[in-house]
Amino acid sequence: MSQENIKFSIIIPVYNVADYLDECLQSVLAQKYRNFEILLIDDGSTDGSSEICENYQDKYSNIRIIKQKNSGVAVARNKGLDMAGGQYILFIDPDDLWLENDVLGQIATILK
């Protein structure tokens, strides 16, 4: 399998994280490796997180929002797994950041 053919699904559970979400998404979108989709699992946010998700989905074709009533982070992650289209799954919490080569590092591990 060549590096270019590996597609990742990046699952981000979202619940009332408006203060962090933009910076997290910017770090994911800044990845040097580009073959990925981002699944934003909106777990019933009430603080403006939903609007942030919608703005990003409108701007980027590789971002999808899945909305559900508040059920907790484990249920949100499982919903993301159900909806994922990539061969590999990566999780990031909305209060975390990635360096620009983090996905490439995962690929290096896969191809060993």
Foldseek 3Di string as FASTA:
>chain_A
DDPLPFEEEEEEEDAQPVVQQVQAVVQVCLAPRDRYAYEYEDQQHDNCVVVVLVVVVVVDVRYDYHYDHHDDDVVSVVVSVVPDDGPYYHYDYSNDGDHRHPVVVVSVVVVD
